[in-house]
N, C-alpha and C. Protein backbone atom coordinates (compact mmCIF):
# COMPACT_ATOMS: atom_id res chain seq x y z
N MET A 1 -17.69 18.23 -14.57
CA MET A 1 -16.44 18.07 -13.85
C MET A 1 -16.66 18.10 -12.33
N GLU A 2 -17.67 18.84 -11.90
CA GLU A 2 -17.94 18.91 -10.46
C GLU A 2 -18.24 17.52 -9.90
N ALA A 3 -19.07 16.77 -10.61
CA ALA A 3 -19.42 15.41 -10.17
C ALA A 3 -18.18 14.53 -10.10
N PHE A 4 -17.29 14.69 -11.08
CA PHE A 4 -16.05 13.91 -11.10
C PHE A 4 -15.22 14.18 -9.85
N TRP A 5 -14.96 15.45 -9.57
CA TRP A 5 -14.08 15.80 -8.45
C TRP A 5 -14.70 15.46 -7.09
N ILE A 6 -15.98 15.70 -6.94
CA ILE A 6 -16.66 15.37 -5.69
C ILE A 6 -16.62 13.85 -5.46
N SER A 7 -16.94 13.10 -6.50
CA SER A 7 -16.95 11.64 -6.39
C SER A 7 -15.56 11.08 -6.15
N LEU A 8 -14.58 11.61 -6.87
CA LEU A 8 -13.21 11.14 -6.67
C LEU A 8 -12.78 11.35 -5.22
N GLY A 9 -13.00 12.55 -4.70
CA GLY A 9 -12.61 12.83 -3.31
C GLY A 9 -13.37 12.01 -2.29
N ALA A 10 -14.66 11.92 -2.46
CA ALA A 10 -15.49 11.19 -1.49
C ALA A 10 -15.16 9.70 -1.47
N ILE A 11 -15.01 9.11 -2.63
CA ILE A 11 -14.73 7.68 -2.70
C ILE A 11 -13.30 7.38 -2.28
N PHE A 12 -12.37 8.24 -2.64
CA PHE A 12 -10.99 8.06 -2.17
C PHE A 12 -10.96 8.02 -0.65
N ILE A 13 -11.66 8.96 -0.02
CA ILE A 13 -11.71 9.00 1.44
C ILE A 13 -12.43 7.77 1.99
N ALA A 14 -13.53 7.39 1.33
CA ALA A 14 -14.30 6.23 1.80
C ALA A 14 -13.47 4.96 1.77
N GLU A 15 -12.58 4.88 0.81
CA GLU A 15 -11.79 3.66 0.64
C GLU A 15 -10.64 3.56 1.64
N LEU A 16 -10.26 4.68 2.25
CA LEU A 16 -9.15 4.65 3.21
C LEU A 16 -9.52 3.78 4.40
N GLY A 17 -8.72 2.78 4.67
CA GLY A 17 -8.96 1.88 5.79
C GLY A 17 -10.01 0.82 5.52
N ASP A 18 -10.52 0.74 4.28
CA ASP A 18 -11.55 -0.23 3.94
C ASP A 18 -10.92 -1.61 3.72
N LYS A 19 -11.74 -2.64 3.82
CA LYS A 19 -11.22 -3.99 3.63
C LYS A 19 -10.68 -4.20 2.22
N SER A 20 -11.18 -3.42 1.25
CA SER A 20 -10.67 -3.54 -0.11
C SER A 20 -9.19 -3.18 -0.18
N GLN A 21 -8.78 -2.20 0.62
CA GLN A 21 -7.35 -1.86 0.66
C GLN A 21 -6.54 -3.02 1.23
N LEU A 22 -7.08 -3.67 2.24
CA LEU A 22 -6.38 -4.83 2.81
C LEU A 22 -6.28 -5.95 1.78
N MET A 23 -7.35 -6.15 1.01
CA MET A 23 -7.31 -7.15 -0.05
C MET A 23 -6.28 -6.78 -1.10
N ALA A 24 -6.24 -5.50 -1.48
CA ALA A 24 -5.28 -5.04 -2.48
C ALA A 24 -3.85 -5.31 -2.02
N MET A 25 -3.56 -4.99 -0.76
CA MET A 25 -2.22 -5.24 -0.23
C MET A 25 -1.91 -6.73 -0.20
N THR A 26 -2.90 -7.54 0.17
CA THR A 26 -2.69 -8.98 0.22
C THR A 26 -2.40 -9.54 -1.17
N PHE A 27 -3.21 -9.14 -2.15
CA PHE A 27 -2.98 -9.61 -3.52
C PHE A 27 -1.62 -9.11 -4.05
N ALA A 28 -1.26 -7.89 -3.71
CA ALA A 28 0.00 -7.32 -4.20
C ALA A 28 1.23 -8.01 -3.61
N THR A 29 1.07 -8.66 -2.46
CA THR A 29 2.20 -9.41 -1.92
C THR A 29 2.35 -10.74 -2.65
N ARG A 30 1.30 -11.17 -3.33
CA ARG A 30 1.29 -12.47 -4.01
C ARG A 30 1.52 -12.35 -5.51
N PHE A 31 1.03 -11.25 -6.11
CA PHE A 31 1.09 -11.07 -7.56
C PHE A 31 1.79 -9.76 -7.90
N LYS A 32 2.08 -9.60 -9.19
CA LYS A 32 2.63 -8.32 -9.66
C LYS A 32 1.57 -7.24 -9.50
N ILE A 33 2.03 -6.03 -9.33
CA ILE A 33 1.12 -4.92 -9.05
C ILE A 33 0.14 -4.66 -10.20
N TRP A 34 0.60 -4.72 -11.45
CA TRP A 34 -0.26 -4.34 -12.58
C TRP A 34 -1.49 -5.23 -12.75
N PRO A 35 -1.37 -6.56 -12.65
CA PRO A 35 -2.61 -7.36 -12.73
C PRO A 35 -3.56 -7.08 -11.56
N VAL A 36 -3.00 -6.78 -10.39
CA VAL A 36 -3.84 -6.45 -9.23
C VAL A 36 -4.60 -5.16 -9.50
N LEU A 37 -3.91 -4.13 -9.96
CA LEU A 37 -4.57 -2.85 -10.26
C LEU A 37 -5.58 -2.99 -11.40
N ALA A 38 -5.25 -3.80 -12.40
CA ALA A 38 -6.18 -4.00 -13.51
C ALA A 38 -7.46 -4.71 -13.01
N GLY A 39 -7.30 -5.71 -12.18
CA GLY A 39 -8.47 -6.41 -11.62
C GLY A 39 -9.33 -5.49 -10.78
N ILE A 40 -8.68 -4.66 -9.95
CA ILE A 40 -9.41 -3.69 -9.13
C ILE A 40 -10.18 -2.73 -10.03
N THR A 41 -9.54 -2.27 -11.09
CA THR A 41 -10.16 -1.30 -12.01
C THR A 41 -11.36 -1.92 -12.72
N ILE A 42 -11.24 -3.13 -13.20
CA ILE A 42 -12.34 -3.79 -13.90
C ILE A 42 -13.54 -3.98 -12.95
N ALA A 43 -13.27 -4.51 -11.77
CA ALA A 43 -14.35 -4.75 -10.80
C ALA A 43 -15.01 -3.44 -10.37
N THR A 44 -14.20 -2.44 -10.08
CA THR A 44 -14.73 -1.15 -9.63
C THR A 44 -15.55 -0.49 -10.73
N THR A 45 -15.08 -0.56 -11.96
CA THR A 45 -15.81 0.03 -13.08
C THR A 45 -17.20 -0.59 -13.19
N ALA A 46 -17.30 -1.89 -13.08
CA ALA A 46 -18.60 -2.57 -13.19
C ALA A 46 -19.51 -2.25 -12.01
N VAL A 47 -19.00 -2.35 -10.79
CA VAL A 47 -19.83 -2.11 -9.60
C VAL A 47 -20.30 -0.65 -9.57
N HIS A 48 -19.41 0.27 -9.89
CA HIS A 48 -19.79 1.69 -9.80
C HIS A 48 -20.72 2.10 -10.95
N LEU A 49 -20.64 1.42 -12.09
CA LEU A 49 -21.60 1.69 -13.16
C LEU A 49 -23.01 1.31 -12.70
N ALA A 50 -23.13 0.15 -12.09
CA ALA A 50 -24.44 -0.26 -11.54
C ALA A 50 -24.89 0.70 -10.44
N SER A 51 -23.94 1.17 -9.64
CA SER A 51 -24.27 2.09 -8.54
C SER A 51 -24.81 3.42 -9.06
N VAL A 52 -24.18 3.99 -10.08
CA VAL A 52 -24.66 5.27 -10.59
C VAL A 52 -25.99 5.11 -11.31
N ALA A 53 -26.21 3.97 -11.93
CA ALA A 53 -27.50 3.73 -12.57
C ALA A 53 -28.61 3.71 -11.52
N LEU A 54 -28.35 2.99 -10.44
CA LEU A 54 -29.33 2.94 -9.35
C LEU A 54 -29.51 4.32 -8.71
N GLY A 55 -28.42 5.01 -8.47
CA GLY A 55 -28.50 6.36 -7.89
C GLY A 55 -29.24 7.33 -8.80
N GLY A 56 -29.02 7.22 -10.11
CA GLY A 56 -29.72 8.08 -11.06
C GLY A 56 -31.22 7.84 -11.05
N LEU A 57 -31.62 6.59 -10.95
CA LEU A 57 -33.06 6.27 -10.88
C LEU A 57 -33.68 6.83 -9.61
N ILE A 58 -32.99 6.66 -8.51
CA ILE A 58 -33.49 7.18 -7.23
C ILE A 58 -33.55 8.71 -7.28
N GLY A 59 -32.53 9.32 -7.88
CA GLY A 59 -32.45 10.78 -7.94
C GLY A 59 -33.57 11.42 -8.73
N THR A 60 -34.01 10.77 -9.79
CA THR A 60 -35.10 11.35 -10.59
C THR A 60 -36.46 11.11 -9.96
N ALA A 61 -36.57 10.13 -9.08
CA ALA A 61 -37.86 9.79 -8.48
C ALA A 61 -38.17 10.56 -7.20
N LEU A 62 -37.16 11.12 -6.56
CA LEU A 62 -37.36 11.79 -5.27
C LEU A 62 -37.06 13.28 -5.37
N PRO A 63 -37.69 14.10 -4.54
CA PRO A 63 -37.41 15.54 -4.53
C PRO A 63 -35.98 15.83 -4.04
N THR A 64 -35.40 16.90 -4.55
CA THR A 64 -34.01 17.25 -4.26
C THR A 64 -33.73 17.45 -2.78
N THR A 65 -34.60 18.13 -2.06
CA THR A 65 -34.37 18.37 -0.63
C THR A 65 -34.33 17.06 0.14
N ALA A 66 -35.25 16.17 -0.15
CA ALA A 66 -35.27 14.87 0.53
C ALA A 66 -34.00 14.08 0.21
N ILE A 67 -33.55 14.12 -1.04
CA ILE A 67 -32.32 13.42 -1.42
C ILE A 67 -31.14 13.98 -0.65
N SER A 68 -31.05 15.30 -0.55
CA SER A 68 -29.92 15.93 0.16
C SER A 68 -29.90 15.53 1.64
N ILE A 69 -31.05 15.53 2.25
CA ILE A 69 -31.12 15.16 3.68
C ILE A 69 -30.75 13.68 3.86
N VAL A 70 -31.31 12.81 3.04
CA VAL A 70 -31.00 11.38 3.12
C VAL A 70 -29.52 11.14 2.82
N ALA A 71 -28.99 11.84 1.81
CA ALA A 71 -27.57 11.69 1.47
C ALA A 71 -26.70 12.15 2.63
N GLY A 72 -27.07 13.25 3.26
CA GLY A 72 -26.31 13.74 4.41
C GLY A 72 -26.33 12.74 5.56
N ILE A 73 -27.49 12.19 5.83
CA ILE A 73 -27.60 11.18 6.88
C ILE A 73 -26.78 9.94 6.51
N ALA A 74 -26.82 9.58 5.23
CA ALA A 74 -26.03 8.41 4.78
C ALA A 74 -24.54 8.66 4.99
N PHE A 75 -24.07 9.86 4.68
CA PHE A 75 -22.65 10.16 4.86
C PHE A 75 -22.27 10.16 6.34
N ILE A 76 -23.16 10.60 7.21
CA ILE A 76 -22.88 10.50 8.65
C ILE A 76 -22.83 9.02 9.05
N GLY A 77 -23.72 8.23 8.46
CA GLY A 77 -23.67 6.78 8.69
C GLY A 77 -22.36 6.17 8.20
N PHE A 78 -21.86 6.66 7.03
CA PHE A 78 -20.58 6.17 6.53
C PHE A 78 -19.45 6.54 7.49
N ALA A 79 -19.57 7.70 8.13
CA ALA A 79 -18.55 8.11 9.13
C ALA A 79 -18.53 7.12 10.29
N LEU A 80 -19.72 6.76 10.77
CA LEU A 80 -19.80 5.79 11.86
C LEU A 80 -19.30 4.42 11.42
N TRP A 81 -19.63 4.02 10.21
CA TRP A 81 -19.18 2.76 9.65
C TRP A 81 -17.65 2.73 9.59
N THR A 82 -17.08 3.85 9.17
CA THR A 82 -15.62 3.96 9.08
C THR A 82 -14.99 3.84 10.46
N LEU A 83 -15.59 4.46 11.46
CA LEU A 83 -15.06 4.34 12.83
C LEU A 83 -15.13 2.90 13.33
N ARG A 84 -16.21 2.23 12.98
CA ARG A 84 -16.35 0.83 13.36
C ARG A 84 -15.26 -0.01 12.72
N GLY A 85 -14.95 0.33 11.47
CA GLY A 85 -13.85 -0.33 10.77
C GLY A 85 -14.28 -1.54 9.97
N ASP A 86 -13.47 -1.83 9.00
CA ASP A 86 -13.63 -3.02 8.17
C ASP A 86 -12.39 -3.87 8.37
N GLU A 87 -12.59 -5.15 8.46
CA GLU A 87 -11.45 -6.04 8.59
C GLU A 87 -11.57 -7.14 7.57
N LEU A 88 -10.43 -7.55 7.08
CA LEU A 88 -10.38 -8.66 6.17
C LEU A 88 -10.48 -9.93 7.00
N THR A 89 -11.51 -10.72 6.74
CA THR A 89 -11.67 -11.95 7.52
C THR A 89 -10.56 -12.92 7.17
N GLU A 90 -10.34 -13.87 8.04
CA GLU A 90 -9.30 -14.87 7.79
C GLU A 90 -9.60 -15.65 6.52
N GLU A 91 -10.89 -15.91 6.27
CA GLU A 91 -11.28 -16.63 5.05
C GLU A 91 -10.93 -15.83 3.80
N GLU A 92 -11.23 -14.50 3.82
CA GLU A 92 -10.90 -13.65 2.67
C GLU A 92 -9.39 -13.57 2.47
N ALA A 93 -8.65 -13.42 3.54
CA ALA A 93 -7.19 -13.36 3.44
C ALA A 93 -6.63 -14.68 2.93
N SER A 94 -7.20 -15.78 3.38
CA SER A 94 -6.75 -17.10 2.96
C SER A 94 -7.00 -17.30 1.47
N LYS A 95 -8.16 -16.87 0.99
CA LYS A 95 -8.46 -16.98 -0.44
C LYS A 95 -7.47 -16.17 -1.26
N ALA A 96 -7.16 -14.96 -0.80
CA ALA A 96 -6.21 -14.11 -1.51
C ALA A 96 -4.82 -14.75 -1.55
N ARG A 97 -4.42 -15.41 -0.47
CA ARG A 97 -3.10 -16.06 -0.42
C ARG A 97 -3.05 -17.32 -1.28
N ARG A 98 -4.16 -18.08 -1.34
CA ARG A 98 -4.18 -19.35 -2.06
C ARG A 98 -4.28 -19.19 -3.57
N THR A 99 -4.87 -18.10 -4.03
CA THR A 99 -5.12 -17.93 -5.45
C THR A 99 -3.80 -17.75 -6.18
N THR A 100 -3.50 -18.67 -7.08
CA THR A 100 -2.23 -18.59 -7.80
C THR A 100 -2.41 -18.67 -9.30
N ARG A 101 -3.58 -19.01 -9.78
CA ARG A 101 -3.75 -19.21 -11.22
C ARG A 101 -3.67 -17.89 -11.97
N ASN A 102 -4.75 -17.33 -12.33
CA ASN A 102 -4.76 -16.09 -13.10
C ASN A 102 -5.05 -14.93 -12.17
N ALA A 103 -4.05 -14.13 -11.93
CA ALA A 103 -4.16 -13.02 -10.98
C ALA A 103 -5.27 -12.04 -11.38
N LEU A 104 -5.36 -11.71 -12.65
CA LEU A 104 -6.36 -10.74 -13.10
C LEU A 104 -7.77 -11.23 -12.80
N ILE A 105 -8.07 -12.47 -13.12
CA ILE A 105 -9.40 -13.02 -12.86
C ILE A 105 -9.66 -13.11 -11.36
N ALA A 106 -8.69 -13.59 -10.62
CA ALA A 106 -8.85 -13.74 -9.18
C ALA A 106 -9.14 -12.40 -8.51
N VAL A 107 -8.37 -11.39 -8.85
CA VAL A 107 -8.55 -10.07 -8.23
C VAL A 107 -9.87 -9.45 -8.66
N THR A 108 -10.21 -9.56 -9.94
CA THR A 108 -11.46 -8.98 -10.45
C THR A 108 -12.66 -9.59 -9.74
N VAL A 109 -12.72 -10.90 -9.66
CA VAL A 109 -13.86 -11.57 -9.01
C VAL A 109 -13.91 -11.23 -7.52
N ALA A 110 -12.77 -11.29 -6.86
CA ALA A 110 -12.73 -11.00 -5.41
C ALA A 110 -13.19 -9.57 -5.13
N PHE A 111 -12.70 -8.61 -5.89
CA PHE A 111 -13.09 -7.22 -5.67
C PHE A 111 -14.54 -6.97 -6.04
N PHE A 112 -15.01 -7.56 -7.11
CA PHE A 112 -16.40 -7.38 -7.51
C PHE A 112 -17.33 -7.85 -6.38
N LEU A 113 -17.08 -9.04 -5.90
CA LEU A 113 -17.94 -9.59 -4.85
C LEU A 113 -17.82 -8.82 -3.53
N SER A 114 -16.61 -8.37 -3.20
CA SER A 114 -16.44 -7.67 -1.92
C SER A 114 -17.04 -6.25 -1.96
N GLU A 115 -17.15 -5.68 -3.14
CA GLU A 115 -17.69 -4.32 -3.24
C GLU A 115 -19.22 -4.27 -3.25
N LEU A 116 -19.86 -5.38 -3.54
CA LEU A 116 -21.33 -5.38 -3.55
C LEU A 116 -21.84 -5.08 -2.14
N GLY A 117 -22.56 -3.99 -1.98
CA GLY A 117 -23.10 -3.60 -0.69
C GLY A 117 -22.09 -2.92 0.23
N ASP A 118 -20.87 -2.67 -0.25
CA ASP A 118 -19.84 -2.02 0.56
C ASP A 118 -20.14 -0.52 0.65
N LYS A 119 -19.49 0.14 1.61
CA LYS A 119 -19.78 1.57 1.80
C LYS A 119 -19.40 2.40 0.58
N THR A 120 -18.39 2.00 -0.20
CA THR A 120 -18.05 2.77 -1.39
C THR A 120 -19.13 2.63 -2.46
N MET A 121 -19.75 1.47 -2.56
CA MET A 121 -20.86 1.30 -3.49
C MET A 121 -22.05 2.16 -3.05
N LEU A 122 -22.36 2.12 -1.76
CA LEU A 122 -23.47 2.92 -1.24
C LEU A 122 -23.18 4.41 -1.36
N ALA A 123 -21.94 4.80 -1.15
CA ALA A 123 -21.57 6.22 -1.30
C ALA A 123 -21.71 6.65 -2.76
N THR A 124 -21.35 5.77 -3.69
CA THR A 124 -21.48 6.09 -5.12
C THR A 124 -22.95 6.23 -5.49
N ILE A 125 -23.79 5.36 -4.98
CA ILE A 125 -25.23 5.48 -5.23
C ILE A 125 -25.73 6.82 -4.70
N THR A 126 -25.31 7.16 -3.50
CA THR A 126 -25.73 8.42 -2.87
C THR A 126 -25.28 9.61 -3.71
N LEU A 127 -24.04 9.62 -4.15
CA LEU A 127 -23.51 10.72 -4.96
C LEU A 127 -24.26 10.84 -6.29
N ALA A 128 -24.62 9.69 -6.88
CA ALA A 128 -25.30 9.71 -8.17
C ALA A 128 -26.73 10.22 -8.08
N THR A 129 -27.30 10.25 -6.88
CA THR A 129 -28.65 10.81 -6.75
C THR A 129 -28.64 12.32 -6.94
N LYS A 130 -27.48 12.95 -6.73
CA LYS A 130 -27.40 14.42 -6.80
C LYS A 130 -26.55 14.93 -7.96
N HIS A 131 -25.69 14.10 -8.53
CA HIS A 131 -24.72 14.57 -9.51
C HIS A 131 -24.83 13.77 -10.81
N ASP A 132 -24.24 14.32 -11.85
CA ASP A 132 -24.18 13.70 -13.17
C ASP A 132 -23.62 12.29 -13.08
N TRP A 133 -24.29 11.33 -13.74
CA TRP A 133 -23.90 9.92 -13.62
C TRP A 133 -22.51 9.65 -14.19
N LEU A 134 -22.17 10.26 -15.32
CA LEU A 134 -20.88 9.96 -15.95
C LEU A 134 -19.72 10.47 -15.10
N GLY A 135 -19.83 11.71 -14.63
CA GLY A 135 -18.78 12.25 -13.76
C GLY A 135 -18.67 11.49 -12.46
N THR A 136 -19.82 11.10 -11.91
CA THR A 136 -19.82 10.32 -10.66
C THR A 136 -19.18 8.95 -10.89
N TRP A 137 -19.53 8.31 -11.98
CA TRP A 137 -18.99 6.99 -12.29
C TRP A 137 -17.47 7.03 -12.47
N ILE A 138 -17.02 7.94 -13.31
CA ILE A 138 -15.57 8.02 -13.57
C ILE A 138 -14.83 8.47 -12.31
N GLY A 139 -15.35 9.49 -11.64
CA GLY A 139 -14.69 9.98 -10.42
C GLY A 139 -14.63 8.94 -9.32
N SER A 140 -15.73 8.22 -9.11
CA SER A 140 -15.74 7.21 -8.05
C SER A 140 -14.81 6.05 -8.39
N THR A 141 -14.76 5.69 -9.65
CA THR A 141 -13.86 4.60 -10.07
C THR A 141 -12.40 5.02 -9.90
N VAL A 142 -12.06 6.21 -10.36
CA VAL A 142 -10.68 6.71 -10.23
C VAL A 142 -10.31 6.85 -8.75
N GLY A 143 -11.24 7.37 -7.94
CA GLY A 143 -10.97 7.54 -6.51
C GLY A 143 -10.69 6.22 -5.82
N MET A 144 -11.45 5.19 -6.15
CA MET A 144 -11.24 3.90 -5.50
C MET A 144 -9.94 3.25 -5.96
N VAL A 145 -9.68 3.28 -7.26
CA VAL A 145 -8.45 2.68 -7.77
C VAL A 145 -7.23 3.43 -7.21
N ALA A 146 -7.32 4.75 -7.13
CA ALA A 146 -6.20 5.53 -6.58
C ALA A 146 -5.95 5.19 -5.12
N ALA A 147 -7.02 5.06 -4.34
CA ALA A 147 -6.86 4.73 -2.91
C ALA A 147 -6.25 3.33 -2.75
N ASP A 148 -6.69 2.38 -3.57
CA ASP A 148 -6.14 1.03 -3.47
C ASP A 148 -4.70 0.98 -3.97
N ALA A 149 -4.39 1.75 -5.01
CA ALA A 149 -3.00 1.82 -5.49
C ALA A 149 -2.10 2.42 -4.42
N LEU A 150 -2.59 3.46 -3.76
CA LEU A 150 -1.83 4.07 -2.66
C LEU A 150 -1.60 3.04 -1.55
N ALA A 151 -2.62 2.26 -1.23
CA ALA A 151 -2.47 1.23 -0.19
C ALA A 151 -1.42 0.21 -0.57
N ILE A 152 -1.40 -0.17 -1.83
CA ILE A 152 -0.41 -1.14 -2.29
C ILE A 152 1.00 -0.58 -2.15
N VAL A 153 1.19 0.64 -2.62
CA VAL A 153 2.53 1.26 -2.57
C VAL A 153 2.96 1.49 -1.13
N VAL A 154 2.10 2.09 -0.33
CA VAL A 154 2.45 2.37 1.06
C VAL A 154 2.62 1.06 1.83
N GLY A 155 1.75 0.10 1.56
CA GLY A 155 1.85 -1.19 2.24
C GLY A 155 3.15 -1.90 1.94
N ARG A 156 3.59 -1.82 0.70
CA ARG A 156 4.86 -2.44 0.34
C ARG A 156 6.04 -1.70 0.98
N MET A 157 5.92 -0.39 1.10
CA MET A 157 7.02 0.39 1.66
C MET A 157 7.08 0.29 3.18
N LEU A 158 5.93 0.33 3.82
CA LEU A 158 5.90 0.41 5.27
C LEU A 158 5.50 -0.88 5.97
N GLY A 159 5.09 -1.86 5.20
CA GLY A 159 4.68 -3.11 5.82
C GLY A 159 3.46 -2.91 6.71
N LYS A 160 3.52 -3.38 7.92
CA LYS A 160 2.38 -3.31 8.83
C LYS A 160 2.40 -2.07 9.71
N HIS A 161 3.25 -1.12 9.44
CA HIS A 161 3.37 0.06 10.29
C HIS A 161 2.53 1.23 9.77
N LEU A 162 1.39 0.94 9.17
CA LEU A 162 0.50 1.99 8.67
C LEU A 162 -0.24 2.65 9.83
N PRO A 163 -0.40 3.96 9.78
CA PRO A 163 -1.16 4.65 10.83
C PRO A 163 -2.66 4.46 10.64
N GLU A 164 -3.12 3.23 10.82
CA GLU A 164 -4.52 2.89 10.56
C GLU A 164 -5.48 3.74 11.38
N ARG A 165 -5.14 4.01 12.60
CA ARG A 165 -6.02 4.78 13.48
C ARG A 165 -6.22 6.21 12.96
N ILE A 166 -5.14 6.82 12.54
CA ILE A 166 -5.22 8.19 12.00
C ILE A 166 -6.04 8.20 10.72
N ILE A 167 -5.80 7.22 9.84
CA ILE A 167 -6.56 7.13 8.59
C ILE A 167 -8.04 6.94 8.89
N LYS A 168 -8.35 6.08 9.83
CA LYS A 168 -9.75 5.81 10.18
C LYS A 168 -10.44 7.07 10.70
N TYR A 169 -9.81 7.76 11.63
CA TYR A 169 -10.43 8.97 12.20
C TYR A 169 -10.54 10.09 11.17
N GLY A 170 -9.53 10.23 10.35
CA GLY A 170 -9.57 11.27 9.31
C GLY A 170 -10.67 11.03 8.30
N ALA A 171 -10.81 9.78 7.85
CA ALA A 171 -11.85 9.45 6.89
C ALA A 171 -13.24 9.63 7.52
N ALA A 172 -13.40 9.21 8.77
CA ALA A 172 -14.69 9.36 9.46
C ALA A 172 -15.05 10.84 9.60
N ALA A 173 -14.07 11.66 9.96
CA ALA A 173 -14.32 13.11 10.09
C ALA A 173 -14.73 13.72 8.76
N ALA A 174 -14.06 13.32 7.68
CA ALA A 174 -14.41 13.86 6.36
C ALA A 174 -15.84 13.46 5.97
N PHE A 175 -16.22 12.21 6.21
CA PHE A 175 -17.59 11.78 5.93
C PHE A 175 -18.60 12.58 6.75
N ALA A 176 -18.31 12.76 8.02
CA ALA A 176 -19.24 13.51 8.88
C ALA A 176 -19.39 14.94 8.38
N ILE A 177 -18.30 15.56 7.99
CA ILE A 177 -18.35 16.93 7.46
C ILE A 177 -19.17 16.98 6.19
N PHE A 178 -18.93 16.04 5.24
CA PHE A 178 -19.72 15.99 4.01
C PHE A 178 -21.20 15.85 4.34
N GLY A 179 -21.52 14.96 5.28
CA GLY A 179 -22.92 14.74 5.66
C GLY A 179 -23.57 15.96 6.25
N LEU A 180 -22.87 16.63 7.16
CA LEU A 180 -23.43 17.83 7.79
C LEU A 180 -23.60 18.96 6.77
N VAL A 181 -22.66 19.10 5.85
CA VAL A 181 -22.78 20.13 4.81
C VAL A 181 -23.99 19.85 3.92
N MET A 182 -24.19 18.59 3.53
CA MET A 182 -25.33 18.24 2.70
C MET A 182 -26.66 18.54 3.40
N ILE A 183 -26.74 18.17 4.66
CA ILE A 183 -27.96 18.44 5.42
C ILE A 183 -28.17 19.94 5.58
N GLY A 184 -27.08 20.65 5.92
CA GLY A 184 -27.16 22.10 6.07
C GLY A 184 -27.62 22.80 4.79
N GLU A 185 -27.07 22.40 3.65
CA GLU A 185 -27.47 22.99 2.36
C GLU A 185 -28.94 22.71 2.07
N ALA A 186 -29.42 21.53 2.41
CA ALA A 186 -30.82 21.18 2.13
C ALA A 186 -31.79 21.97 3.00
N LEU A 187 -31.39 22.23 4.22
CA LEU A 187 -32.29 22.91 5.15
C LEU A 187 -32.24 24.43 5.05
N LEU A 188 -31.22 24.97 4.44
CA LEU A 188 -31.09 26.44 4.33
C LEU A 188 -31.66 26.98 3.06
């Protein structure tokens, strides 16, 4: 359960202000919410399963202290990445607006491709190096879907008046704290 809760919290925070949330809001303005959430869930489940498999392999091959230090540095890197920000390119937004055929397939493919190499995928790999793969997989998947669902609901309610700056700084601070704690635990 520890892996589940840690992964859920870390990935939920990582997803705040991410381009995936912007994609979710864009798709939700075009399609019904349930096919959008189902597509996000399918894509996230697949990407995060591959992520925990990779993280598990790395975790068994490297010593625990080295993993903790690298994971801590990675989380500080995620904090900086979050401050830099993710933006939905005009091409990505245009694709989301043009897709009218099957919403479930469109959302699943778009999210799968956009998550490859994204900070939430890298964070899931990092978490899986230290924690149980099943808890990490389920927690990271639930955390991402919950963050995107929140973005859809809040986006529909508030339109473009989201406090993006506050979300960005809060998520970056949380990543930095996670990173420093990991490094501190490894060195003590």
